[in-house]
Amino acid sequence: MTSASNKPAIIRTERGLTIAGTRITLYDVMDYVISQYPPKFIQGLFELTEAQLKAALDYIEANRSEVEAEYQQVIRETEELRQYYEEQNRERIARISTSPSPPGLEAAWEKLQASKARHLLQP
């Protein structure tokens, strides 16, 4: 997809298909397209111009199967990385959670623990 000045609006970078002039990938946009967010919301969220958003949506529509296949690959890789880092940090997180509160911050530490407990109880 190219703009009126013949510069590509969607480019391939090391991050994948990206909106030219930004660090926003089409996969970022796809999260919201799939969830059926309105275009104006997506535009505001990523601070895109109307032309940038239109180029992204047009590219997704014109190349739907390719973009969806790459998007699914990104989702799989993201999940694999999340699991890897969760496993790598499991012992460290357990050790930190059982450590005593820092000296002088006992009241703040208690508030934090109470907040965490309330959060865990919410449905």
PDB file of N, CA and C in Angstrom:
ATOM      1  N   MET A   1       0.849  -1.169   0.000  1.00  0.00           N
ATOM      2  CA  MET A   1       0.000   0.000   0.000  1.00  0.00           C
ATOM      3  C   MET A   1       0.894   1.231   0.000  1.00  0.00           C
ATOM      4  N   THR A   2       0.637   2.153  -0.893  1.00  0.00           N
ATOM      5  CA  THR A   2       1.441   3.364  -0.976  1.00  0.00           C
ATOM      6  C   THR A   2       0.545   4.579  -0.861  1.00  0.00           C
ATOM      7  N   SER A   3       1.141   5.675  -0.419  1.00  0.00           N
ATOM      8  CA  SER A   3       0.401   6.918  -0.294  1.00  0.00           C
ATOM      9  C   SER A   3       0.511   7.701  -1.587  1.00  0.00           C
ATOM     10  N   ALA A   4      -0.094   8.889  -1.618  1.00  0.00           N
ATOM     11  CA  ALA A   4      -0.080   9.714  -2.815  1.00  0.00           C
ATOM     12  C   ALA A   4       1.334  10.090  -3.227  1.00  0.00           C
ATOM     13  N   SER A   5       2.268  10.165  -2.306  1.00  0.00           N
ATOM     14  CA  SER A   5       3.640  10.548  -2.630  1.00  0.00           C
ATOM     15  C   SER A   5       4.499   9.335  -2.989  1.00  0.00           C
ATOM     16  N   ASN A   6       3.869   8.175  -3.244  1.00  0.00           N
ATOM     17  CA  ASN A   6       4.544   6.934  -3.617  1.00  0.00           C
ATOM     18  C   ASN A   6       5.452   6.369  -2.539  1.00  0.00           C
ATOM     19  N   LYS A   7       5.329   6.838  -1.320  1.00  0.00           N
ATOM     20  CA  LYS A   7       6.051   6.227  -0.206  1.00  0.00           C
ATOM     21  C   LYS A   7       5.156   5.139   0.359  1.00  0.00           C
ATOM     22  N   PRO A   8       5.729   3.983   0.672  1.00  0.00           N
ATOM     23  CA  PRO A   8       4.870   2.937   1.226  1.00  0.00           C
ATOM     24  C   PRO A   8       4.299   3.351   2.585  1.00  0.00           C
ATOM     25  N   ALA A   9       3.021   3.062   2.789  1.00  0.00           N
ATOM     26  CA  ALA A   9       2.371   3.385   4.051  1.00  0.00           C
ATOM     27  C   ALA A   9       2.574   2.267   5.057  1.00  0.00           C
ATOM     28  N   ILE A  10       2.755   1.039   4.563  1.00  0.00           N
ATOM     29  CA  ILE A  10       3.011  -0.118   5.406  1.00  0.00           C
ATOM     30  C   ILE A  10       4.345  -0.694   4.972  1.00  0.00           C
ATOM     31  N   ILE A  11       5.252  -0.844   5.922  1.00  0.00           N
ATOM     32  CA  ILE A  11       6.588  -1.349   5.611  1.00  0.00           C
ATOM     33  C   ILE A  11       6.898  -2.558   6.479  1.00  0.00           C
ATOM     34  N   ARG A  12       7.831  -3.353   6.027  1.00  0.00           N
ATOM     35  CA  ARG A  12       8.268  -4.497   6.831  1.00  0.00           C
ATOM     36  C   ARG A  12       9.554  -4.096   7.543  1.00  0.00           C
ATOM     37  N   THR A  13       9.522  -4.194   8.864  1.00  0.00           N
ATOM     38  CA  THR A  13      10.694  -3.899   9.678  1.00  0.00           C
ATOM     39  C   THR A  13      11.062  -5.153  10.450  1.00  0.00           C
ATOM     40  N   GLU A  14      12.058  -5.038  11.326  1.00  0.00           N
ATOM     41  CA  GLU A  14      12.435  -6.184  12.162  1.00  0.00           C
ATOM     42  C   GLU A  14      11.299  -6.583  13.098  1.00  0.00           C
ATOM     43  N   ARG A  15      10.349  -5.687  13.298  1.00  0.00           N
ATOM     44  CA  ARG A  15       9.194  -5.966  14.159  1.00  0.00           C
ATOM     45  C   ARG A  15       8.036  -6.571  13.376  1.00  0.00           C
ATOM     46  N   GLY A  16       8.131  -6.594  12.046  1.00  0.00           N
ATOM     47  CA  GLY A  16       7.055  -7.108  11.204  1.00  0.00           C
ATOM     48  C   GLY A  16       6.431  -5.981  10.407  1.00  0.00           C
ATOM     49  N   LEU A  17       5.207  -6.201   9.944  1.00  0.00           N
ATOM     50  CA  LEU A  17       4.499  -5.189   9.168  1.00  0.00           C
ATOM     51  C   LEU A  17       4.191  -3.998  10.062  1.00  0.00           C
ATOM     52  N   THR A  18       4.690  -2.835   9.661  1.00  0.00           N
ATOM     53  CA  THR A  18       4.648  -1.645  10.503  1.00  0.00           C
ATOM     54  C   THR A  18       4.076  -0.467   9.727  1.00  0.00           C
ATOM     55  N   ILE A  19       3.334   0.390  10.408  1.00  0.00           N
ATOM     56  CA  ILE A  19       2.836   1.619   9.796  1.00  0.00           C
ATOM     57  C   ILE A  19       4.030   2.553   9.638  1.00  0.00           C
ATOM     58  N   ALA A  20       4.297   2.974   8.406  1.00  0.00           N
ATOM     59  CA  ALA A  20       5.456   3.817   8.117  1.00  0.00           C
ATOM     60  C   ALA A  20       5.447   5.062   8.994  1.00  0.00           C
ATOM     61  N   GLY A  21       6.625   5.412   9.508  1.00  0.00           N
ATOM     62  CA  GLY A  21       6.771   6.600  10.337  1.00  0.00           C
ATOM     63  C   GLY A  21       6.402   6.373  11.798  1.00  0.00           C
ATOM     64  N   THR A  22       6.081   5.128  12.148  1.00  0.00           N
ATOM     65  CA  THR A  22       5.715   4.811  13.528  1.00  0.00           C
ATOM     66  C   THR A  22       6.429   3.534  13.954  1.00  0.00           C
ATOM     67  N   ARG A  23       6.237   3.163  15.195  1.00  0.00           N
ATOM     68  CA  ARG A  23       6.714   1.869  15.690  1.00  0.00           C
ATOM     69  C   ARG A  23       5.530   0.926  15.905  1.00  0.00           C
ATOM     70  N   ILE A  24       4.396   1.288  15.339  1.00  0.00           N
ATOM     71  CA  ILE A  24       3.162   0.529  15.534  1.00  0.00           C
ATOM     72  C   ILE A  24       3.040  -0.527  14.436  1.00  0.00           C
ATOM     73  N   THR A  25       2.926  -1.775  14.867  1.00  0.00           N
ATOM     74  CA  THR A  25       2.787  -2.856  13.902  1.00  0.00           C
ATOM     75  C   THR A  25       1.309  -3.089  13.581  1.00  0.00           C
ATOM     76  N   LEU A  26       1.086  -3.762  12.469  1.00  0.00           N
ATOM     77  CA  LEU A  26      -0.284  -4.127  12.126  1.00  0.00           C
ATOM     78  C   LEU A  26      -0.837  -5.116  13.133  1.00  0.00           C
ATOM     79  N   TYR A  27       0.046  -5.847  13.808  1.00  0.00           N
ATOM     80  CA  TYR A  27      -0.395  -6.810  14.814  1.00  0.00           C
ATOM     81  C   TYR A  27      -0.955  -6.070  16.034  1.00  0.00           C
ATOM     82  N   ASP A  28      -0.363  -4.908  16.358  1.00  0.00           N
ATOM     83  CA  ASP A  28      -0.913  -4.076  17.430  1.00  0.00           C
ATOM     84  C   ASP A  28      -2.338  -3.649  17.068  1.00  0.00           C
ATOM     85  N   VAL A  29      -2.510  -3.206  15.827  1.00  0.00           N
ATOM     86  CA  VAL A  29      -3.816  -2.757  15.356  1.00  0.00           C
ATOM     87  C   VAL A  29      -4.792  -3.936  15.302  1.00  0.00           C
ATOM     88  N   MET A  30      -4.299  -5.105  14.889  1.00  0.00           N
ATOM     89  CA  MET A  30      -5.157  -6.292  14.760  1.00  0.00           C
ATOM     90  C   MET A  30      -5.820  -6.658  16.086  1.00  0.00           C
ATOM     91  N   ASP A  31      -5.124  -6.477  17.200  1.00  0.00           N
ATOM     92  CA  ASP A  31      -5.731  -6.771  18.500  1.00  0.00           C
ATOM     93  C   ASP A  31      -7.073  -6.050  18.635  1.00  0.00           C
ATOM     94  N   TYR A  32      -7.125  -4.809  18.185  1.00  0.00           N
ATOM     95  CA  TYR A  32      -8.321  -3.986  18.325  1.00  0.00           C
ATOM     96  C   TYR A  32      -9.312  -4.206  17.192  1.00  0.00           C
ATOM     97  N   VAL A  33      -8.814  -4.510  16.003  1.00  0.00           N
ATOM     98  CA  VAL A  33      -9.703  -4.819  14.882  1.00  0.00           C
ATOM     99  C   VAL A  33     -10.489  -6.088  15.187  1.00  0.00           C
ATOM    100  N   ILE A  34      -9.796  -7.114  15.668  1.00  0.00           N
ATOM    101  CA  ILE A  34     -10.439  -8.382  15.995  1.00  0.00           C
ATOM    102  C   ILE A  34     -11.468  -8.201  17.108  1.00  0.00           C
ATOM    103  N   SER A  35     -11.161  -7.331  18.069  1.00  0.00           N
ATOM    104  CA  SER A  35     -12.096  -7.070  19.174  1.00  0.00           C
ATOM    105  C   SER A  35     -13.202  -6.090  18.773  1.00  0.00           C
ATOM    106  N   GLN A  36     -13.197  -5.668  17.510  1.00  0.00           N
ATOM    107  CA  GLN A  36     -14.213  -4.789  16.927  1.00  0.00           C
ATOM    108  C   GLN A  36     -14.298  -3.411  17.582  1.00  0.00           C
ATOM    109  N   TYR A  37     -13.140  -2.866  17.926  1.00  0.00           N
ATOM    110  CA  TYR A  37     -13.108  -1.494  18.419  1.00  0.00           C
ATOM    111  C   TYR A  37     -13.357  -0.558  17.242  1.00  0.00           C
ATOM    112  N   PRO A  38     -13.999   0.582  17.472  1.00  0.00           N
ATOM    113  CA  PRO A  38     -14.238   1.526  16.380  1.00  0.00           C
ATOM    114  C   PRO A  38     -12.916   2.134  15.885  1.00  0.00           C
ATOM    115  N   PRO A  39     -12.850   2.423  14.591  1.00  0.00           N
ATOM    116  CA  PRO A  39     -11.624   3.008  14.029  1.00  0.00           C
ATOM    117  C   PRO A  39     -11.160   4.275  14.744  1.00  0.00           C
ATOM    118  N   LYS A  40     -12.094   5.140  15.144  1.00  0.00           N
ATOM    119  CA  LYS A  40     -11.703   6.380  15.841  1.00  0.00           C
ATOM    120  C   LYS A  40     -10.991   6.067  17.161  1.00  0.00           C
ATOM    121  N   PHE A  41     -11.426   5.018  17.855  1.00  0.00           N
ATOM    122  CA  PHE A  41     -10.773   4.616  19.098  1.00  0.00           C
ATOM    123  C   PHE A  41      -9.342   4.167  18.808  1.00  0.00           C
ATOM    124  N   ILE A  42      -9.172   3.332  17.789  1.00  0.00           N
ATOM    125  CA  ILE A  42      -7.841   2.825  17.420  1.00  0.00           C
ATOM    126  C   ILE A  42      -6.941   3.988  17.025  1.00  0.00           C
ATOM    127  N   GLN A  43      -7.486   4.906  16.248  1.00  0.00           N
ATOM    128  CA  GLN A  43      -6.715   6.074  15.814  1.00  0.00           C
ATOM    129  C   GLN A  43      -6.237   6.879  17.010  1.00  0.00           C
ATOM    130  N   GLY A  44      -7.110   7.127  17.961  1.00  0.00           N
ATOM    131  CA  GLY A  44      -6.744   7.894  19.148  1.00  0.00           C
ATOM    132  C   GLY A  44      -5.778   7.150  20.055  1.00  0.00           C
ATOM    133  N   LEU A  45      -5.999   5.858  20.195  1.00  0.00           N
ATOM    134  CA  LEU A  45      -5.148   5.044  21.061  1.00  0.00           C
ATOM    135  C   LEU A  45      -3.693   5.074  20.611  1.00  0.00           C
ATOM    136  N   PHE A  46      -3.490   4.932  19.306  1.00  0.00           N
ATOM    137  CA  PHE A  46      -2.127   4.871  18.770  1.00  0.00           C
ATOM    138  C   PHE A  46      -1.626   6.216  18.245  1.00  0.00           C
ATOM    139  N   GLU A  47      -2.461   7.252  18.388  1.00  0.00           N
ATOM    140  CA  GLU A  47      -2.120   8.596  17.916  1.00  0.00           C
ATOM    141  C   GLU A  47      -1.730   8.576  16.444  1.00  0.00           C
ATOM    142  N   LEU A  48      -2.591   7.956  15.639  1.00  0.00           N
ATOM    143  CA  LEU A  48      -2.374   7.865  14.200  1.00  0.00           C
ATOM    144  C   LEU A  48      -3.159   8.958  13.487  1.00  0.00           C
ATOM    145  N   THR A  49      -2.678   9.328  12.317  1.00  0.00           N
ATOM    146  CA  THR A  49      -3.456  10.225  11.475  1.00  0.00           C
ATOM    147  C   THR A  49      -4.544   9.389  10.801  1.00  0.00           C
ATOM    148  N   GLU A  50      -5.531  10.065  10.241  1.00  0.00           N
ATOM    149  CA  GLU A  50      -6.574   9.340   9.516  1.00  0.00           C
ATOM    150  C   GLU A  50      -5.966   8.553   8.362  1.00  0.00           C
ATOM    151  N   ALA A  51      -4.991   9.149   7.685  1.00  0.00           N
ATOM    152  CA  ALA A  51      -4.348   8.481   6.546  1.00  0.00           C
ATOM    153  C   ALA A  51      -3.587   7.227   6.994  1.00  0.00           C
ATOM    154  N   GLN A  52      -2.901   7.317   8.118  1.00  0.00           N
ATOM    155  CA  GLN A  52      -2.167   6.150   8.627  1.00  0.00           C
ATOM    156  C   GLN A  52      -3.119   5.020   8.997  1.00  0.00           C
ATOM    157  N   LEU A  53      -4.195   5.364   9.690  1.00  0.00           N
ATOM    158  CA  LEU A  53      -5.160   4.338  10.079  1.00  0.00           C
ATOM    159  C   LEU A  53      -5.824   3.732   8.850  1.00  0.00           C
ATOM    160  N   LYS A  54      -6.203   4.568   7.896  1.00  0.00           N
ATOM    161  CA  LYS A  54      -6.832   4.068   6.676  1.00  0.00           C
ATOM    162  C   LYS A  54      -5.885   3.135   5.937  1.00  0.00           C
ATOM    163  N   ALA A  55      -4.611   3.509   5.848  1.00  0.00           N
ATOM    164  CA  ALA A  55      -3.627   2.656   5.177  1.00  0.00           C
ATOM    165  C   ALA A  55      -3.506   1.311   5.883  1.00  0.00           C
ATOM    166  N   ALA A  56      -3.487   1.331   7.206  1.00  0.00           N
ATOM    167  CA  ALA A  56      -3.377   0.087   7.973  1.00  0.00           C
ATOM    168  C   ALA A  56      -4.595  -0.792   7.756  1.00  0.00           C
ATOM    169  N   LEU A  57      -5.785  -0.216   7.895  1.00  0.00           N
ATOM    170  CA  LEU A  57      -7.012  -0.993   7.732  1.00  0.00           C
ATOM    171  C   LEU A  57      -7.175  -1.504   6.309  1.00  0.00           C
ATOM    172  N   ASP A  58      -6.813  -0.661   5.326  1.00  0.00           N
ATOM    173  CA  ASP A  58      -6.885  -1.090   3.924  1.00  0.00           C
ATOM    174  C   ASP A  58      -5.915  -2.240   3.653  1.00  0.00           C
ATOM    175  N   TYR A  59      -4.702  -2.135   4.216  1.00  0.00           N
ATOM    176  CA  TYR A  59      -3.709  -3.193   4.013  1.00  0.00           C
ATOM    177  C   TYR A  59      -4.189  -4.496   4.656  1.00  0.00           C
ATOM    178  N   ILE A  60      -4.731  -4.404   5.848  1.00  0.00           N
ATOM    179  CA  ILE A  60      -5.235  -5.596   6.529  1.00  0.00           C
ATOM    180  C   ILE A  60      -6.336  -6.240   5.694  1.00  0.00           C
ATOM    181  N   GLU A  61      -7.256  -5.428   5.191  1.00  0.00           N
ATOM    182  CA  GLU A  61      -8.369  -5.965   4.403  1.00  0.00           C
ATOM    183  C   GLU A  61      -7.875  -6.582   3.088  1.00  0.00           C
ATOM    184  N   ALA A  62      -6.946  -5.923   2.416  1.00  0.00           N
ATOM    185  CA  ALA A  62      -6.454  -6.410   1.130  1.00  0.00           C
ATOM    186  C   ALA A  62      -5.579  -7.658   1.265  1.00  0.00           C
ATOM    187  N   ASN A  63      -4.959  -7.833   2.415  1.00  0.00           N
ATOM    188  CA  ASN A  63      -4.023  -8.948   2.634  1.00  0.00           C
ATOM    189  C   ASN A  63      -4.418  -9.746   3.866  1.00  0.00           C
ATOM    190  N   ARG A  64      -5.705  -9.925   4.053  1.00  0.00           N
ATOM    191  CA  ARG A  64      -6.249 -10.498   5.288  1.00  0.00           C
ATOM    192  C   ARG A  64      -5.588 -11.818   5.683  1.00  0.00           C
ATOM    193  N   SER A  65      -5.485 -12.765   4.761  1.00  0.00           N
ATOM    194  CA  SER A  65      -4.957 -14.091   5.126  1.00  0.00           C
ATOM    195  C   SER A  65      -3.485 -14.005   5.536  1.00  0.00           C
ATOM    196  N   GLU A  66      -2.687 -13.228   4.817  1.00  0.00           N
ATOM    197  CA  GLU A  66      -1.269 -13.071   5.165  1.00  0.00           C
ATOM    198  C   GLU A  66      -1.106 -12.398   6.533  1.00  0.00           C
ATOM    199  N   VAL A  67      -1.845 -11.326   6.761  1.00  0.00           N
ATOM    200  CA  VAL A  67      -1.740 -10.588   8.022  1.00  0.00           C
ATOM    201  C   VAL A  67      -2.230 -11.452   9.184  1.00  0.00           C
ATOM    202  N   GLU A  68      -3.335 -12.166   8.993  1.00  0.00           N
ATOM    203  CA  GLU A  68      -3.847 -13.016  10.069  1.00  0.00           C
ATOM    204  C   GLU A  68      -2.885 -14.153  10.393  1.00  0.00           C
ATOM    205  N   ALA A  69      -2.246 -14.724   9.359  1.00  0.00           N
ATOM    206  CA  ALA A  69      -1.272 -15.799   9.605  1.00  0.00           C
ATOM    207  C   ALA A  69      -0.088 -15.269  10.407  1.00  0.00           C
ATOM    208  N   GLU A  70       0.427 -14.110  10.028  1.00  0.00           N
ATOM    209  CA  GLU A  70       1.538 -13.509  10.768  1.00  0.00           C
ATOM    210  C   GLU A  70       1.096 -13.122  12.180  1.00  0.00           C
ATOM    211  N   TYR A  71      -0.118 -12.618  12.302  1.00  0.00           N
ATOM    212  CA  TYR A  71      -0.651 -12.234  13.609  1.00  0.00           C
ATOM    213  C   TYR A  71      -0.716 -13.447  14.531  1.00  0.00           C
ATOM    214  N   GLN A  72      -1.196 -14.568  14.029  1.00  0.00           N
ATOM    215  CA  GLN A  72      -1.264 -15.790  14.834  1.00  0.00           C
ATOM    216  C   GLN A  72       0.130 -16.246  15.259  1.00  0.00           C
ATOM    217  N   GLN A  73       1.115 -16.097  14.370  1.00  0.00           N
ATOM    218  CA  GLN A  73       2.494 -16.443  14.714  1.00  0.00           C
ATOM    219  C   GLN A  73       3.018 -15.535  15.824  1.00  0.00           C
ATOM    220  N   VAL A  74       2.713 -14.249  15.741  1.00  0.00           N
ATOM    221  CA  VAL A  74       3.118 -13.293  16.782  1.00  0.00           C
ATOM    222  C   VAL A  74       2.480 -13.676  18.117  1.00  0.00           C
ATOM    223  N   ILE A  75       1.207 -14.052  18.092  1.00  0.00           N
ATOM    224  CA  ILE A  75       0.505 -14.458  19.319  1.00  0.00           C
ATOM    225  C   ILE A  75       1.184 -15.683  19.931  1.00  0.00           C
ATOM    226  N   ARG A  76       1.516 -16.683  19.091  1.00  0.00           N
ATOM    227  CA  ARG A  76       2.188 -17.896  19.592  1.00  0.00           C
ATOM    228  C   ARG A  76       3.548 -17.562  20.203  1.00  0.00           C
ATOM    229  N   GLU A  77       4.334 -16.747  19.505  1.00  0.00           N
ATOM    230  CA  GLU A  77       5.661 -16.383  20.008  1.00  0.00           C
ATOM    231  C   GLU A  77       5.568 -15.590  21.312  1.00  0.00           C
ATOM    232  N   THR A  78       4.597 -14.715  21.403  1.00  0.00           N
ATOM    233  CA  THR A  78       4.400 -13.929  22.617  1.00  0.00           C
ATOM    234  C   THR A  78       4.063 -14.834  23.791  1.00  0.00           C
ATOM    235  N   GLU A  79       3.198 -15.808  23.567  1.00  0.00           N
ATOM    236  CA  GLU A  79       2.825 -16.740  24.625  1.00  0.00           C
ATOM    237  C   GLU A  79       4.023 -17.592  25.043  1.00  0.00           C
ATOM    238  N   GLU A  80       4.822 -18.037  24.072  1.00  0.00           N
ATOM    239  CA  GLU A  80       6.023 -18.815  24.403  1.00  0.00           C
ATOM    240  C   GLU A  80       6.995 -17.997  25.244  1.00  0.00           C
ATOM    241  N   LEU A  81       7.187 -16.733  24.884  1.00  0.00           N
ATOM    242  CA  LEU A  81       8.070 -15.856  25.665  1.00  0.00           C
ATOM    243  C   LEU A  81       7.523 -15.629  27.069  1.00  0.00           C
ATOM    244  N   ARG A  82       6.208 -15.421  27.180  1.00  0.00           N
ATOM    245  CA  ARG A  82       5.605 -15.215  28.494  1.00  0.00           C
ATOM    246  C   ARG A  82       5.838 -16.434  29.382  1.00  0.00           C
ATOM    247  N   GLN A  83       5.617 -17.616  28.830  1.00  0.00           N
ATOM    248  CA  GLN A  83       5.827 -18.836  29.600  1.00  0.00           C
ATOM    249  C   GLN A  83       7.296 -19.007  29.982  1.00  0.00           C
ATOM    250  N   TYR A  84       8.196 -18.706  29.052  1.00  0.00           N
ATOM    251  CA  TYR A  84       9.627 -18.824  29.329  1.00  0.00           C
ATOM    252  C   TYR A  84      10.034 -17.921  30.496  1.00  0.00           C
ATOM    253  N   TYR A  85       9.654 -16.649  30.431  1.00  0.00           N
ATOM    254  CA  TYR A  85      10.047 -15.714  31.480  1.00  0.00           C
ATOM    255  C   TYR A  85       9.337 -15.996  32.797  1.00  0.00           C
ATOM    256  N   GLU A  86       8.113 -16.482  32.716  1.00  0.00           N
ATOM    257  CA  GLU A  86       7.417 -16.861  33.943  1.00  0.00           C
ATOM    258  C   GLU A  86       8.172 -17.990  34.634  1.00  0.00           C
ATOM    259  N   GLU A  87       8.598 -18.971  33.874  1.00  0.00           N
ATOM    260  CA  GLU A  87       9.360 -20.095  34.430  1.00  0.00           C
ATOM    261  C   GLU A  87      10.712 -19.618  34.979  1.00  0.00           C
ATOM    262  N   GLN A  88      11.393 -18.753  34.241  1.00  0.00           N
ATOM    263  CA  GLN A  88      12.700 -18.251  34.660  1.00  0.00           C
ATOM    264  C   GLN A  88      12.617 -17.453  35.958  1.00  0.00           C
ATOM    265  N   ASN A  89      11.500 -16.781  36.153  1.00  0.00           N
ATOM    266  CA  ASN A  89      11.371 -15.888  37.303  1.00  0.00           C
ATOM    267  C   ASN A  89      10.550 -16.463  38.448  1.00  0.00           C
ATOM    268  N   ARG A  90      10.027 -17.672  38.293  1.00  0.00           N
ATOM    269  CA  ARG A  90       9.152 -18.262  39.319  1.00  0.00           C
ATOM    270  C   ARG A  90       9.844 -18.305  40.687  1.00  0.00           C
ATOM    271  N   GLU A  91      11.064 -18.825  40.732  1.00  0.00           N
ATOM    272  CA  GLU A  91      11.777 -18.934  42.004  1.00  0.00           C
ATOM    273  C   GLU A  91      12.068 -17.555  42.588  1.00  0.00           C
ATOM    274  N   ARG A  92      12.478 -16.635  41.744  1.00  0.00           N
ATOM    275  CA  ARG A  92      12.799 -15.281  42.203  1.00  0.00           C
ATOM    276  C   ARG A  92      11.558 -14.589  42.767  1.00  0.00           C
ATOM    277  N   ILE A  93      10.439 -14.716  42.083  1.00  0.00           N
ATOM    278  CA  ILE A  93       9.201 -14.093  42.546  1.00  0.00           C
ATOM    279  C   ILE A  93       8.773 -14.689  43.885  1.00  0.00           C
ATOM    280  N   ALA A  94       8.893 -16.006  44.031  1.00  0.00           N
ATOM    281  CA  ALA A  94       8.542 -16.663  45.295  1.00  0.00           C
ATOM    282  C   ALA A  94       9.437 -16.152  46.422  1.00  0.00           C
ATOM    283  N   ARG A  95      10.727 -16.002  46.146  1.00  0.00           N
ATOM    284  CA  ARG A  95      11.672 -15.523  47.160  1.00  0.00           C
ATOM    285  C   ARG A  95      11.349 -14.078  47.558  1.00  0.00           C
ATOM    286  N   ILE A  96      11.049 -13.250  46.581  1.00  0.00           N
ATOM    287  CA  ILE A  96      10.730 -11.847  46.863  1.00  0.00           C
ATOM    288  C   ILE A  96       9.438 -11.733  47.663  1.00  0.00           C
ATOM    289  N   SER A  97       8.445 -12.555  47.307  1.00  0.00           N
ATOM    290  CA  SER A  97       7.154 -12.445  47.994  1.00  0.00           C
ATOM    291  C   SER A  97       7.224 -12.856  49.459  1.00  0.00           C
ATOM    292  N   THR A  98       8.219 -13.652  49.836  1.00  0.00           N
ATOM    293  CA  THR A  98       8.337 -14.071  51.239  1.00  0.00           C
ATOM    294  C   THR A  98       9.357 -13.246  52.014  1.00  0.00           C
ATOM    295  N   SER A  99      10.007 -12.305  51.356  1.00  0.00           N
ATOM    296  CA  SER A  99      11.008 -11.498  52.049  1.00  0.00           C
ATOM    297  C   SER A  99      10.322 -10.484  52.966  1.00  0.00           C
ATOM    298  N   PRO A 100      10.995 -10.088  54.039  1.00  0.00           N
ATOM    299  CA  PRO A 100      10.397  -9.110  54.960  1.00  0.00           C
ATOM    300  C   PRO A 100      10.287  -7.738  54.295  1.00  0.00           C
ATOM    301  N   SER A 101       9.398  -6.923  54.831  1.00  0.00           N
ATOM    302  CA  SER A 101       9.228  -5.579  54.274  1.00  0.00           C
ATOM    303  C   SER A 101      10.492  -4.759  54.521  1.00  0.00           C
ATOM    304  N   PRO A 102      10.784  -3.839  53.621  1.00  0.00           N
ATOM    305  CA  PRO A 102      11.970  -2.995  53.791  1.00  0.00           C
ATOM    306  C   PRO A 102      11.859  -2.141  55.050  1.00  0.00           C
ATOM    307  N   PRO A 103      12.959  -1.922  55.750  1.00  0.00           N
ATOM    308  CA  PRO A 103      12.927  -1.123  56.982  1.00  0.00           C
ATOM    309  C   PRO A 103      12.376   0.284  56.718  1.00  0.00           C
ATOM    310  N   GLY A 104      11.480   0.717  57.585  1.00  0.00           N
ATOM    311  CA  GLY A 104      10.920   2.059  57.475  1.00  0.00           C
ATOM    312  C   GLY A 104       9.716   2.140  56.554  1.00  0.00           C
ATOM    313  N   LEU A 105       9.407   1.053  55.850  1.00  0.00           N
ATOM    314  CA  LEU A 105       8.286   1.077  54.918  1.00  0.00           C
ATOM    315  C   LEU A 105       7.200   0.073  55.299  1.00  0.00           C
ATOM    316  N   GLU A 106       7.150  -0.288  56.551  1.00  0.00           N
ATOM    317  CA  GLU A 106       6.215  -1.311  57.002  1.00  0.00           C
ATOM    318  C   GLU A 106       4.764  -0.942  56.701  1.00  0.00           C
ATOM    319  N   ALA A 107       4.369   0.301  56.966  1.00  0.00           N
ATOM    320  CA  ALA A 107       2.978   0.720  56.753  1.00  0.00           C
ATOM    321  C   ALA A 107       2.622   0.648  55.266  1.00  0.00           C
ATOM    322  N   ALA A 108       3.505   1.122  54.420  1.00  0.00           N
ATOM    323  CA  ALA A 108       3.260   1.067  52.978  1.00  0.00           C
ATOM    324  C   ALA A 108       3.200  -0.382  52.506  1.00  0.00           C
ATOM    325  N   TRP A 109       4.071  -1.206  53.051  1.00  0.00           N
ATOM    326  CA  TRP A 109       4.108  -2.624  52.683  1.00  0.00           C
ATOM    327  C   TRP A 109       2.793  -3.315  53.068  1.00  0.00           C
ATOM    328  N   GLU A 110       2.269  -2.989  54.252  1.00  0.00           N
ATOM    329  CA  GLU A 110       1.002  -3.567  54.696  1.00  0.00           C
ATOM    330  C   GLU A 110      -0.144  -3.140  53.783  1.00  0.00           C
ATOM    331  N   LYS A 111      -0.158  -1.859  53.375  1.00  0.00           N
ATOM    332  CA  LYS A 111      -1.192  -1.378  52.462  1.00  0.00           C
ATOM    333  C   LYS A 111      -1.108  -2.111  51.121  1.00  0.00           C
ATOM    334  N   LEU A 112       0.102  -2.323  50.649  1.00  0.00           N
ATOM    335  CA  LEU A 112       0.294  -3.036  49.386  1.00  0.00           C
ATOM    336  C   LEU A 112      -0.227  -4.462  49.491  1.00  0.00           C
ATOM    337  N   GLN A 113       0.110  -5.137  50.575  1.00  0.00           N
ATOM    338  CA  GLN A 113      -0.340  -6.514  50.759  1.00  0.00           C
ATOM    339  C   GLN A 113      -1.869  -6.582  50.867  1.00  0.00           C
ATOM    340  N   ALA A 114      -2.474  -5.630  51.559  1.00  0.00           N
ATOM    341  CA  ALA A 114      -3.939  -5.589  51.679  1.00  0.00           C
ATOM    342  C   ALA A 114      -4.581  -5.345  50.316  1.00  0.00           C
ATOM    343  N   SER A 115      -3.995  -4.465  49.543  1.00  0.00           N
ATOM    344  CA  SER A 115      -4.506  -4.183  48.199  1.00  0.00           C
ATOM    345  C   SER A 115      -4.416  -5.422  47.315  1.00  0.00           C
ATOM    346  N   LYS A 116      -3.301  -6.134  47.396  1.00  0.00           N
ATOM    347  CA  LYS A 116      -3.142  -7.366  46.615  1.00  0.00           C
ATOM    348  C   LYS A 116      -4.191  -8.392  47.021  1.00  0.00           C
ATOM    349  N   ALA A 117      -4.437  -8.518  48.309  1.00  0.00           N
ATOM    350  CA  ALA A 117      -5.423  -9.483  48.810  1.00  0.00           C
ATOM    351  C   ALA A 117      -6.825  -9.135  48.285  1.00  0.00           C
ATOM    352  N   ARG A 118      -7.175  -7.833  48.327  1.00  0.00           N
ATOM    353  CA  ARG A 118      -8.482  -7.413  47.816  1.00  0.00           C
ATOM    354  C   ARG A 118      -8.599  -7.704  46.325  1.00  0.00           C
ATOM    355  N   HIS A 119      -7.535  -7.459  45.593  1.00  0.00           N
ATOM    356  CA  HIS A 119      -7.528  -7.697  44.147  1.00  0.00           C
ATOM    357  C   HIS A 119      -7.731  -9.169  43.819  1.00  0.00           C
ATOM    358  N   LEU A 120      -7.100 -10.046  44.604  1.00  0.00           N
ATOM    359  CA  LEU A 120      -7.231 -11.474  44.374  1.00  0.00           C
ATOM    360  C   LEU A 120      -8.644 -11.978  44.680  1.00  0.00           C
ATOM    361  N   LEU A 121      -9.364 -11.301  45.564  1.00  0.00           N
ATOM    362  CA  LEU A 121     -10.701 -11.726  45.944  1.00  0.00           C
ATOM    363  C   LEU A 121     -11.764 -11.272  44.944  1.00  0.00           C
ATOM    364  N   GLN A 122     -11.435 -10.289  44.102  1.00  0.00           N
ATOM    365  CA  GLN A 122     -12.412  -9.796  43.131  1.00  0.00           C
ATOM    366  C   GLN A 122     -12.654 -10.841  42.050  1.00  0.00           C
ATOM    367  N   PRO A 123     -13.942 -10.955  41.605  1.00  0.00           N
ATOM    368  CA  PRO A 123     -14.270 -11.971  40.585  1.00  0.00           C
ATOM    369  C   PRO A 123     -13.730 -11.634  39.221  1.00  0.00           C
TER     370      PRO A 123
END
